[in-house]
């Protein structure tokens, strides 16, 4: 059988494979299947089973310092399918701007560009169960629900589409069960990556079930796909070759933690005859989509702010349409925003994490500046009145996050500013790779479709080697 209950393995068993993938969420499942299709023997390790388990969820617990953040066990799901089991389905492909360095934002930019990912985006769209209709605004523009006629030099309407949403556990369970090259080990908690004395090669992956059964995996290549917090935690906790952890010679592992922050900026009252229908979630042809309003690159550079976009949500009213306006932003890379290890350990003896979330003056300024620009833009175009929540904007409170844990093993060709190179390989470790949005160096949109495309790209790289 392709699915194995690790609790039934012999104590001390050693599993051999060509590639060991740690974590069966979107990235891990897609990667394992693609490698299996290429003829590689894959061991896919999943901490949980097929259903949510509170003992497994408690392994995610950790401390939060710095700026307030929700409890860490709430943002992730530790069973087969990962956080796709509560994914809302938001999808938008990356744009060229997402990969570019911005001169006014330190440590911004990726070592790859959009062309490196473009060959995989159609397959990523299909995997997310989206009709092949694209995201181009002109494809979806209509007289019945037109985009807002805002100044094109300042604003751009972007199209977001919705996966059903795809539950990767349901979509791929039978597929993987028939895949003879892939074996999925459930209840397999990874407790360490054992490297050689120099720390340049992973020799073994150690595992343990919650009831204490210990076993190991030997594979020439290892991929971490456990999410932005756990990927960093595993590297930091693997201290056999160095007290700093594995792949952390430049003290970058766990740094640059980012999420997409959300804040209410005010209430929009459209002028008579102005429609905001394009920005409401709705069925259009065979797709469900919702428009958002973003700021253009020239404006971001002029104001020296971070990428941001607006969502419009209908409010209860006494007959006059009114819309809550939320601003979501892509924070600047901040080396001091990080995942650390706590001295407290979990049930498996693994150090718990301590999330030290930081965001700075630029994020606060982005909230205020972007809201002002939208108010002026709507007013100048005669589209209506945006009544800003001035007190809330001044406080720059984060009212929600996307639970998009990015940056902790960020991609950079320079080991001083990143953990993995352009091929997702950990700097200084010749057989260790990372998948998922922990390798994102920054990203304005919704990450699932993009991390699936990156997993397909990594599968090609590993299959060719």
Protein backbone atom coordinates (compact mmCIF):
# COMPACT_ATOMS: atom_id res chain seq x y z
CA UNK A 1 0.00 0.00 0.00
CA UNK A 2 1.16 3.53 -0.71
CA UNK A 3 -0.11 4.77 2.67
CA UNK A 4 1.69 3.42 5.73
CA UNK A 5 0.79 3.92 9.38
CA UNK A 6 4.17 4.65 10.97
CA UNK A 7 2.91 3.48 14.34
CA UNK A 8 3.04 -0.06 12.98
CA UNK A 9 6.62 0.08 11.77
CA UNK A 10 9.26 -1.94 13.57
CA UNK A 11 11.09 0.07 16.18
CA UNK A 12 14.29 1.44 14.65
CA UNK A 13 13.22 0.72 11.06
CA UNK A 14 15.16 2.48 8.31
CA UNK A 15 13.28 3.44 5.15
CA UNK A 16 15.20 3.98 1.93
CA UNK A 17 14.09 6.20 -0.94
CA UNK A 18 15.50 8.40 -3.70
CA UNK A 19 13.87 11.51 -2.24
CA UNK A 20 12.44 12.13 1.21
CA UNK A 21 9.76 14.84 1.25
CA UNK A 22 8.80 16.15 4.69
CA UNK A 23 5.25 17.47 4.88
CA UNK A 24 2.13 16.49 2.94
CA UNK A 25 0.53 19.85 2.28
CA UNK A 26 0.09 21.42 -1.15
CA UNK A 27 3.81 21.71 -1.93
CA UNK A 28 4.78 18.29 -0.57
CA UNK A 29 1.95 16.39 -2.25
CA UNK A 30 2.50 18.04 -5.64
CA UNK A 31 6.25 17.52 -5.43
CA UNK A 32 5.98 13.87 -4.39
CA UNK A 33 3.52 13.05 -7.13
CA UNK A 34 5.61 14.77 -9.82
CA UNK A 35 8.76 12.96 -8.66
CA UNK A 36 6.89 9.66 -8.61
CA UNK A 37 5.66 10.25 -12.15
CA UNK A 38 9.31 10.79 -13.11
CA UNK A 39 10.21 7.37 -11.72
CA UNK A 40 11.79 8.45 -8.44
CA UNK A 41 11.17 6.43 -5.27
CA UNK A 42 9.64 8.94 -2.86
CA UNK A 43 9.08 8.76 0.87
CA UNK A 44 6.49 11.39 1.86
CA UNK A 45 6.34 11.99 5.61
CA UNK A 46 3.20 13.40 7.23
CA UNK A 47 2.97 14.17 10.95
CA UNK A 48 -0.77 13.53 11.20
CA UNK A 49 -3.26 11.08 9.77
CA UNK A 50 -6.29 11.65 7.56
CA UNK A 51 -8.23 13.64 10.17
CA UNK A 52 -7.51 16.57 12.44
CA UNK A 53 -6.02 15.50 15.77
CA UNK A 54 -5.66 17.79 18.76
CA UNK A 55 -2.49 16.04 20.02
CA UNK A 56 -0.88 16.75 16.64
CA UNK A 57 -2.21 20.34 16.56
CA UNK A 58 -0.60 20.98 19.95
CA UNK A 59 2.81 20.32 18.40
CA UNK A 60 2.37 23.68 16.65
CA UNK A 61 2.08 25.66 19.88
CA UNK A 62 4.62 28.37 20.48
CA UNK A 63 5.24 31.77 22.00
CA UNK A 64 4.57 35.08 20.24
CA UNK A 65 6.51 38.22 21.01
CA UNK A 66 6.85 41.48 19.15
CA UNK A 67 3.69 42.60 17.35
CA UNK A 68 0.50 40.69 18.22
CA UNK A 69 -0.20 37.57 16.18
CA UNK A 70 -2.87 34.84 16.46
CA UNK A 71 -2.03 31.57 18.27
CA UNK A 72 0.33 29.56 16.09
CA UNK A 73 -1.71 26.37 16.27
CA UNK A 74 -4.72 28.19 14.75
CA UNK A 75 -3.03 29.10 11.49
CA UNK A 76 -1.99 25.60 10.36
CA UNK A 77 -3.38 22.08 10.14
CA UNK A 78 -1.14 19.13 10.92
CA UNK A 79 -2.65 16.27 8.93
CA UNK A 80 -2.67 14.94 5.38
CA UNK A 81 -3.41 17.83 3.01
CA UNK A 82 -2.06 20.43 5.43
CA UNK A 83 -3.61 23.87 5.46
CA UNK A 84 -5.39 23.20 2.16
CA UNK A 85 -7.94 21.53 4.46
CA UNK A 86 -9.10 25.02 5.48
CA UNK A 87 -7.91 27.01 2.46
CA UNK A 88 -10.44 29.57 1.19
CA UNK A 89 -9.33 29.09 -2.43
CA UNK A 90 -8.02 32.57 -3.28
CA UNK A 91 -5.74 32.45 -6.35
CA UNK A 92 -3.81 35.02 -8.31
CA UNK A 93 -0.68 34.28 -10.35
CA UNK A 94 2.54 36.17 -9.73
CA UNK A 95 3.43 39.22 -11.77
CA UNK A 96 6.87 40.31 -12.93
CA UNK A 97 6.84 42.97 -10.21
CA UNK A 98 6.62 40.34 -7.49
CA UNK A 99 10.13 39.10 -8.30
CA UNK A 100 11.84 42.45 -8.95
CA UNK A 101 14.09 44.25 -6.49
CA UNK A 102 12.73 47.62 -5.42
CA UNK A 103 15.47 50.16 -4.83
CA UNK A 104 13.66 51.73 -1.87
CA UNK A 105 13.13 48.40 -0.05
CA UNK A 106 16.23 46.73 1.36
CA UNK A 107 16.70 43.00 0.65
CA UNK A 108 13.78 42.95 -1.79
CA UNK A 109 13.67 40.86 -4.96
CA UNK A 110 14.14 37.23 -5.94
CA UNK A 111 17.09 35.66 -7.78
CA UNK A 112 14.60 34.35 -10.38
CA UNK A 113 12.10 36.20 -12.54
CA UNK A 114 8.63 35.42 -13.79
CA UNK A 115 10.01 33.60 -16.85
CA UNK A 116 11.46 30.93 -14.55
CA UNK A 117 7.99 30.11 -13.24
CA UNK A 118 5.82 30.74 -16.29
CA UNK A 119 6.19 27.20 -17.74
CA UNK A 120 4.54 25.78 -14.60
CA UNK A 121 1.66 28.19 -14.04
CA UNK A 122 -0.85 26.50 -16.36
CA UNK A 123 -0.32 23.18 -14.58
CA UNK A 124 -0.56 24.91 -11.20
CA UNK A 125 -3.85 26.46 -12.27
CA UNK A 126 -5.16 23.05 -13.33
CA UNK A 127 -4.02 21.42 -10.08
CA UNK A 128 -5.97 24.09 -8.18
CA UNK A 129 -9.06 23.15 -10.26
CA UNK A 130 -9.34 26.48 -12.04
CA UNK A 131 -10.82 26.67 -15.51
CA UNK A 132 -8.14 27.65 -18.08
CA UNK A 133 -9.57 31.12 -18.53
CA UNK A 134 -6.68 33.17 -17.20
CA UNK A 135 -6.53 36.25 -15.04
CA UNK A 136 -6.34 39.00 -17.63
CA UNK A 137 -8.59 41.94 -16.82
CA UNK A 138 -9.74 42.34 -20.41
CA UNK A 139 -11.00 38.76 -20.42
CA UNK A 140 -13.37 39.54 -17.54
CA UNK A 141 -14.32 43.16 -18.19
CA UNK A 142 -18.05 43.63 -18.83
CA UNK A 143 -20.57 46.45 -19.19
CA UNK A 144 -22.74 44.88 -16.47
CA UNK A 145 -19.93 44.88 -13.89
CA UNK A 146 -17.22 47.31 -15.06
CA UNK A 147 -14.00 47.95 -13.12
CA UNK A 148 -13.84 51.30 -11.37
CA UNK A 149 -12.64 54.06 -13.71
CA UNK A 150 -9.68 55.09 -11.56
CA UNK A 151 -6.56 56.85 -12.82
CA UNK A 152 -4.52 54.14 -14.61
CA UNK A 153 -1.25 55.79 -13.63
CA UNK A 154 -2.00 55.28 -9.94
CA UNK A 155 -4.29 52.25 -9.73
CA UNK A 156 -4.67 48.85 -11.40
CA UNK A 157 -7.57 46.45 -11.05
CA UNK A 158 -6.36 42.87 -10.53
CA UNK A 159 -8.39 39.71 -10.99
CA UNK A 160 -8.53 37.13 -8.22
CA UNK A 161 -10.12 33.77 -8.96
CA UNK A 162 -11.28 31.08 -6.56
CA UNK A 163 -10.44 27.43 -6.46
CA UNK A 164 -13.54 25.37 -5.38
CA UNK A 165 -11.40 25.27 -3.05
CA UNK A 166 -9.31 22.21 -3.82
CA UNK A 167 -8.73 19.95 -0.83
CA UNK A 168 -5.44 18.35 -1.77
CA UNK A 169 -6.07 15.42 0.57
CA UNK A 170 -9.25 14.45 -1.25
CA UNK A 171 -7.89 15.23 -4.71
CA UNK A 172 -4.68 13.23 -4.36
CA UNK A 173 -5.39 10.49 -1.81
CA UNK A 174 -6.50 7.89 -4.36
CA UNK A 175 -3.95 9.14 -6.90
CA UNK A 176 -1.09 8.59 -4.45
CA UNK A 177 -2.54 5.27 -3.34
CA UNK A 178 -2.17 4.07 -6.93
CA UNK A 179 1.30 5.60 -7.35
CA UNK A 180 3.69 2.72 -6.73
CA UNK A 181 6.77 4.95 -6.57
CA UNK A 182 5.43 7.08 -3.69
CA UNK A 183 4.91 5.84 -0.16
CA UNK A 184 3.18 8.17 2.31
CA UNK A 185 4.04 7.59 5.97
CA UNK A 186 1.33 8.94 8.28
CA UNK A 187 1.88 9.83 11.96
CA UNK A 188 5.55 10.39 11.06
CA UNK A 189 6.90 13.36 12.99
CA UNK A 190 10.35 14.44 11.87
CA UNK A 191 12.54 15.14 14.90
CA UNK A 192 15.83 15.98 13.20
CA UNK A 193 18.02 16.09 10.13
CA UNK A 194 21.27 14.25 10.80
CA UNK A 195 24.14 15.73 8.80
CA UNK A 196 27.78 14.75 8.42
CA UNK A 197 30.37 16.33 10.69
CA UNK A 198 30.88 19.30 8.37
CA UNK A 199 27.13 19.93 8.08
CA UNK A 200 27.27 19.84 4.29
CA UNK A 201 25.24 16.68 3.64
CA UNK A 202 22.10 15.22 5.24
CA UNK A 203 22.68 11.56 5.98
CA UNK A 204 19.45 10.64 7.75
CA UNK A 205 16.02 11.97 8.70
CA UNK A 206 14.93 10.88 12.18
CA UNK A 207 11.23 10.36 12.93
CA UNK A 208 9.00 9.48 15.82
CA UNK A 209 5.31 8.79 16.32
CA UNK A 210 3.41 10.36 19.21
CA UNK A 211 3.34 7.00 20.97
CA UNK A 212 7.14 6.83 20.86
CA UNK A 213 7.92 4.59 17.90
CA UNK A 214 11.24 5.81 16.40
CA UNK A 215 12.43 5.17 12.86
CA UNK A 216 14.52 6.87 10.19
CA UNK A 217 14.71 7.62 6.47
CA UNK A 218 17.84 7.43 4.34
CA UNK A 219 17.59 9.26 1.02
CA UNK A 220 20.14 10.96 -1.24
CA UNK A 221 17.91 14.04 -1.36
CA UNK A 222 15.65 15.61 1.27
CA UNK A 223 13.01 18.31 0.80
CA UNK A 224 11.37 20.24 3.63
CA UNK A 225 7.76 21.19 2.85
CA UNK A 226 6.30 21.77 6.31
CA UNK A 227 5.43 25.47 6.05
CA UNK A 228 7.12 28.75 6.87
CA UNK A 229 7.40 28.17 10.61
CA UNK A 230 8.15 24.45 10.75
CA UNK A 231 10.74 24.49 7.94
CA UNK A 232 12.77 26.97 9.97
CA UNK A 233 12.12 25.08 13.19
CA UNK A 234 13.51 21.83 11.77
CA UNK A 235 16.64 23.50 10.45
CA UNK A 236 17.28 25.38 13.69
CA UNK A 237 16.67 22.27 15.81
CA UNK A 238 19.05 20.07 13.78
CA UNK A 239 22.14 21.02 15.77
CA UNK A 240 24.36 18.01 15.29
CA UNK A 241 26.96 19.82 13.17
CA UNK A 242 26.47 23.32 14.57
CA UNK A 243 24.75 24.89 17.55
CA UNK A 244 23.16 27.37 15.14
CA UNK A 245 21.38 24.58 13.31
CA UNK A 246 21.63 23.18 9.82
CA UNK A 247 22.21 25.51 6.86
CA UNK A 248 22.49 28.46 9.23
CA UNK A 249 26.12 29.44 8.94
CA UNK A 250 25.14 33.07 8.25
CA UNK A 251 22.38 33.22 10.88
CA UNK A 252 19.58 33.66 8.32
CA UNK A 253 17.36 30.63 9.03
CA UNK A 254 14.09 31.81 10.57
CA UNK A 255 14.71 35.47 9.73
CA UNK A 256 12.64 37.65 7.37
CA UNK A 257 9.34 36.20 8.57
CA UNK A 258 6.48 37.82 6.66
CA UNK A 259 2.74 37.50 6.36
CA UNK A 260 0.11 39.46 4.46
CA UNK A 261 -1.37 41.96 6.88
CA UNK A 262 -4.88 43.34 6.58
CA UNK A 263 -6.40 46.52 7.99
CA UNK A 264 -9.74 48.26 7.61
CA UNK A 265 -9.20 51.73 6.16
CA UNK A 266 -12.74 53.06 5.95
CA UNK A 267 -16.17 52.96 4.34
CA UNK A 268 -16.89 53.70 0.68
CA UNK A 269 -20.16 55.29 -0.42
CA UNK A 270 -20.43 55.05 -4.22
CA UNK A 271 -21.84 57.91 -6.24
CA UNK A 272 -25.20 57.37 -7.93
CA UNK A 273 -24.87 54.87 -10.77
CA UNK A 274 -21.39 53.67 -9.76
CA UNK A 275 -21.12 49.88 -9.52
CA UNK A 276 -18.71 48.01 -7.29
CA UNK A 277 -20.00 44.64 -8.50
CA UNK A 278 -16.72 43.74 -10.19
CA UNK A 279 -15.10 43.74 -6.74
CA UNK A 280 -17.64 41.34 -5.21
CA UNK A 281 -17.15 37.59 -5.26
CA UNK A 282 -19.39 36.31 -8.06
CA UNK A 283 -19.83 33.55 -10.62
CA UNK A 284 -18.79 34.67 -14.09
CA UNK A 285 -18.98 32.05 -16.83
CA UNK A 286 -17.37 28.92 -15.36
CA UNK A 287 -15.26 30.83 -12.83
CA UNK A 288 -15.74 32.55 -9.50
CA UNK A 289 -13.77 35.76 -9.25
CA UNK A 290 -13.35 39.00 -7.36
CA UNK A 291 -11.52 42.15 -8.39
CA UNK A 292 -9.14 44.06 -6.14
CA UNK A 293 -7.55 47.48 -6.61
CA UNK A 294 -3.77 47.72 -6.44
CA UNK A 295 -1.25 50.55 -6.61
CA UNK A 296 1.03 50.75 -9.64
CA UNK A 297 4.80 50.35 -9.44
CA UNK A 298 5.58 54.03 -10.25
CA UNK A 299 3.40 55.10 -7.33
CA UNK A 300 5.04 52.61 -4.96
CA UNK A 301 8.44 53.98 -5.95
CA UNK A 302 7.41 57.62 -5.72
CA UNK A 303 5.94 57.15 -2.25
CA UNK A 304 8.56 54.58 -1.20
CA UNK A 305 5.91 52.24 0.17
CA UNK A 306 5.34 48.52 -0.01
CA UNK A 307 2.89 46.77 -2.42
CA UNK A 308 -0.73 47.01 -1.31
CA UNK A 309 -4.20 46.38 -2.64
CA UNK A 310 -7.79 47.08 -1.61
CA UNK A 311 -10.81 44.82 -1.18
CA UNK A 312 -14.42 46.04 -1.09
CA UNK A 313 -16.92 44.23 1.17
CA UNK A 314 -20.66 45.10 1.32
CA UNK A 315 -22.01 46.43 4.60
CA UNK A 316 -25.58 46.14 5.92
CA UNK A 317 -27.43 49.37 5.10
CA UNK A 318 -30.84 51.02 5.08
CA UNK A 319 -30.97 51.13 1.28
CA UNK A 320 -27.82 53.04 0.30
CA UNK A 321 -24.90 50.78 -0.77
CA UNK A 322 -21.90 51.04 1.49
CA UNK A 323 -18.69 49.02 1.42
CA UNK A 324 -16.02 48.29 3.98
CA UNK A 325 -12.61 48.86 2.41
CA UNK A 326 -9.75 46.66 3.60
CA UNK A 327 -6.09 47.15 2.72
CA UNK A 328 -3.77 44.15 2.43
CA UNK A 329 -0.06 44.70 2.14
CA UNK A 330 3.08 42.74 1.37
CA UNK A 331 5.49 43.73 4.15
CA UNK A 332 9.07 44.74 3.59
CA UNK A 333 11.69 42.06 4.30
CA UNK A 334 12.82 42.59 7.89
CA UNK A 335 15.78 40.60 9.14
CA UNK A 336 14.66 41.04 12.75
CA UNK A 337 11.21 39.54 12.13
CA UNK A 338 11.94 35.92 12.83
CA UNK A 339 11.21 32.43 14.08
CA UNK A 340 13.41 31.40 17.01
CA UNK A 341 13.57 28.29 19.17
CA UNK A 342 12.19 28.38 22.70
CA UNK A 343 13.68 26.49 25.63
CA UNK A 344 10.34 24.77 26.17
CA UNK A 345 9.94 21.47 24.33
CA UNK A 346 6.91 19.68 22.97
CA UNK A 347 5.75 16.12 23.54
CA UNK A 348 8.41 14.81 21.13
CA UNK A 349 11.21 16.69 22.85
CA UNK A 350 11.44 19.22 20.01
CA UNK A 351 12.03 22.88 20.97
CA UNK A 352 8.88 24.92 20.53
CA UNK A 353 9.04 28.02 18.39
CA UNK A 354 8.99 31.65 19.41
CA UNK A 355 7.64 33.99 16.73
CA UNK A 356 9.10 37.48 16.99
CA UNK A 357 6.99 39.44 14.51
CA UNK A 358 8.27 42.84 13.45
CA UNK A 359 7.04 45.37 10.96
CA UNK A 360 8.21 48.91 10.69
CA UNK A 361 7.63 52.50 9.72
CA UNK A 362 7.21 51.67 6.03
CA UNK A 363 4.27 49.36 6.72
CA UNK A 364 2.59 51.98 8.91
CA UNK A 365 3.19 54.62 6.25
CA UNK A 366 1.84 52.32 3.55
CA UNK A 367 -1.48 51.96 5.35
CA UNK A 368 -1.89 55.74 5.64
CA UNK A 369 -0.50 56.71 2.22
CA UNK A 370 -2.38 54.06 0.25
CA UNK A 371 -5.67 54.92 1.96
CA UNK A 372 -5.18 58.60 1.20
CA UNK A 373 -4.42 57.86 -2.44
CA UNK A 374 -7.56 55.76 -2.80
CA UNK A 375 -9.73 58.42 -1.16
CA UNK A 376 -8.35 61.06 -3.51
CA UNK A 377 -8.56 58.77 -6.53
CA UNK A 378 -12.19 57.87 -5.93
CA UNK A 379 -13.11 61.48 -5.28
CA UNK A 380 -11.23 62.93 -8.28
CA UNK A 381 -12.89 60.40 -10.61
CA UNK A 382 -16.34 61.25 -9.23
CA UNK A 383 -16.85 57.66 -8.09
CA UNK A 384 -17.91 58.38 -4.53
CA UNK A 385 -16.67 59.15 -1.05
CA UNK A 386 -14.25 57.05 0.99
CA UNK A 387 -14.63 57.93 4.65
CA UNK A 388 -11.37 56.97 6.28
CA UNK A 389 -10.98 55.51 9.74
CA UNK A 390 -8.36 58.09 10.71
CA UNK A 391 -7.92 56.83 14.25
CA UNK A 392 -7.43 53.25 13.11
CA UNK A 393 -5.02 54.28 10.36
CA UNK A 394 -2.94 56.31 12.78
CA UNK A 395 -2.63 53.24 15.02
CA UNK A 396 -1.86 51.05 11.96
CA UNK A 397 -3.36 48.06 13.73
CA UNK A 398 -3.22 44.69 12.02
CA UNK A 399 -6.78 43.40 12.14
CA UNK A 400 -6.14 40.16 10.24
CA UNK A 401 -3.40 38.16 8.55
CA UNK A 402 -3.41 35.81 5.61
CA UNK A 403 -1.63 33.05 7.57
CA UNK A 404 0.86 33.10 4.69
CA UNK A 405 4.07 32.26 6.52
CA UNK A 406 6.77 33.51 4.18
CA UNK A 407 10.46 34.30 4.15
CA UNK A 408 12.00 32.16 6.90
CA UNK A 409 14.08 30.17 4.37
CA UNK A 410 13.97 32.86 1.69
CA UNK A 411 15.45 32.42 -1.77
CA UNK A 412 18.61 34.39 -2.51
CA UNK A 413 21.83 33.69 -4.38
CA UNK A 414 23.64 35.41 -1.48
CA UNK A 415 23.85 33.23 1.66
CA UNK A 416 24.01 36.43 3.72
CA UNK A 417 20.40 37.28 2.80
CA UNK A 418 18.83 33.93 2.05
CA UNK A 419 18.70 30.27 3.06
CA UNK A 420 18.13 28.62 -0.34
CA UNK A 421 19.49 29.33 -3.80
CA UNK A 422 17.51 29.78 -7.00
CA UNK A 423 17.07 26.00 -7.23
CA UNK A 424 15.62 25.84 -3.70
CA UNK A 425 18.74 24.12 -2.33
CA UNK A 426 19.88 25.11 1.16
CA UNK A 427 23.16 27.03 0.98
CA UNK A 428 26.06 24.89 2.16
CA UNK A 429 24.12 21.61 2.18
CA UNK A 430 24.43 19.66 -1.05
CA UNK A 431 21.31 17.50 -0.82
CA UNK A 432 18.76 19.52 1.18
CA UNK A 433 15.95 21.53 -0.47
CA UNK A 434 12.93 23.55 0.61
CA UNK A 435 9.45 23.84 -0.91
CA UNK A 436 6.55 26.10 0.03
CA UNK A 437 6.19 29.80 0.73
CA UNK A 438 8.95 29.89 3.36
CA UNK A 439 11.26 30.39 0.36
CA UNK A 440 9.31 33.46 -0.82
CA UNK A 441 11.43 36.61 -0.78
CA UNK A 442 8.19 38.64 -0.84
CA UNK A 443 4.88 38.28 -2.66
CA UNK A 444 1.90 40.55 -3.12
CA UNK A 445 -0.83 38.04 -3.90
CA UNK A 446 -2.19 34.74 -2.65
CA UNK A 447 0.57 32.13 -2.47
CA UNK A 448 -0.99 28.69 -3.02
CA UNK A 449 -0.98 28.60 -6.82
CA UNK A 450 2.53 30.06 -6.89
CA UNK A 451 3.96 27.58 -4.38
CA UNK A 452 2.44 24.75 -6.44
CA UNK A 453 4.23 26.09 -9.54
CA UNK A 454 7.48 26.31 -7.57
CA UNK A 455 7.04 22.70 -6.42
CA UNK A 456 6.62 21.58 -10.03
CA UNK A 457 9.76 23.51 -10.95
CA UNK A 458 11.69 21.87 -8.12
CA UNK A 459 10.45 18.45 -9.22
CA UNK A 460 11.88 19.07 -12.68
CA UNK A 461 15.20 20.11 -11.17
CA UNK A 462 15.43 17.04 -8.92
CA UNK A 463 14.34 14.70 -11.70
CA UNK A 464 17.01 16.03 -14.04
CA UNK A 465 19.80 15.54 -11.52
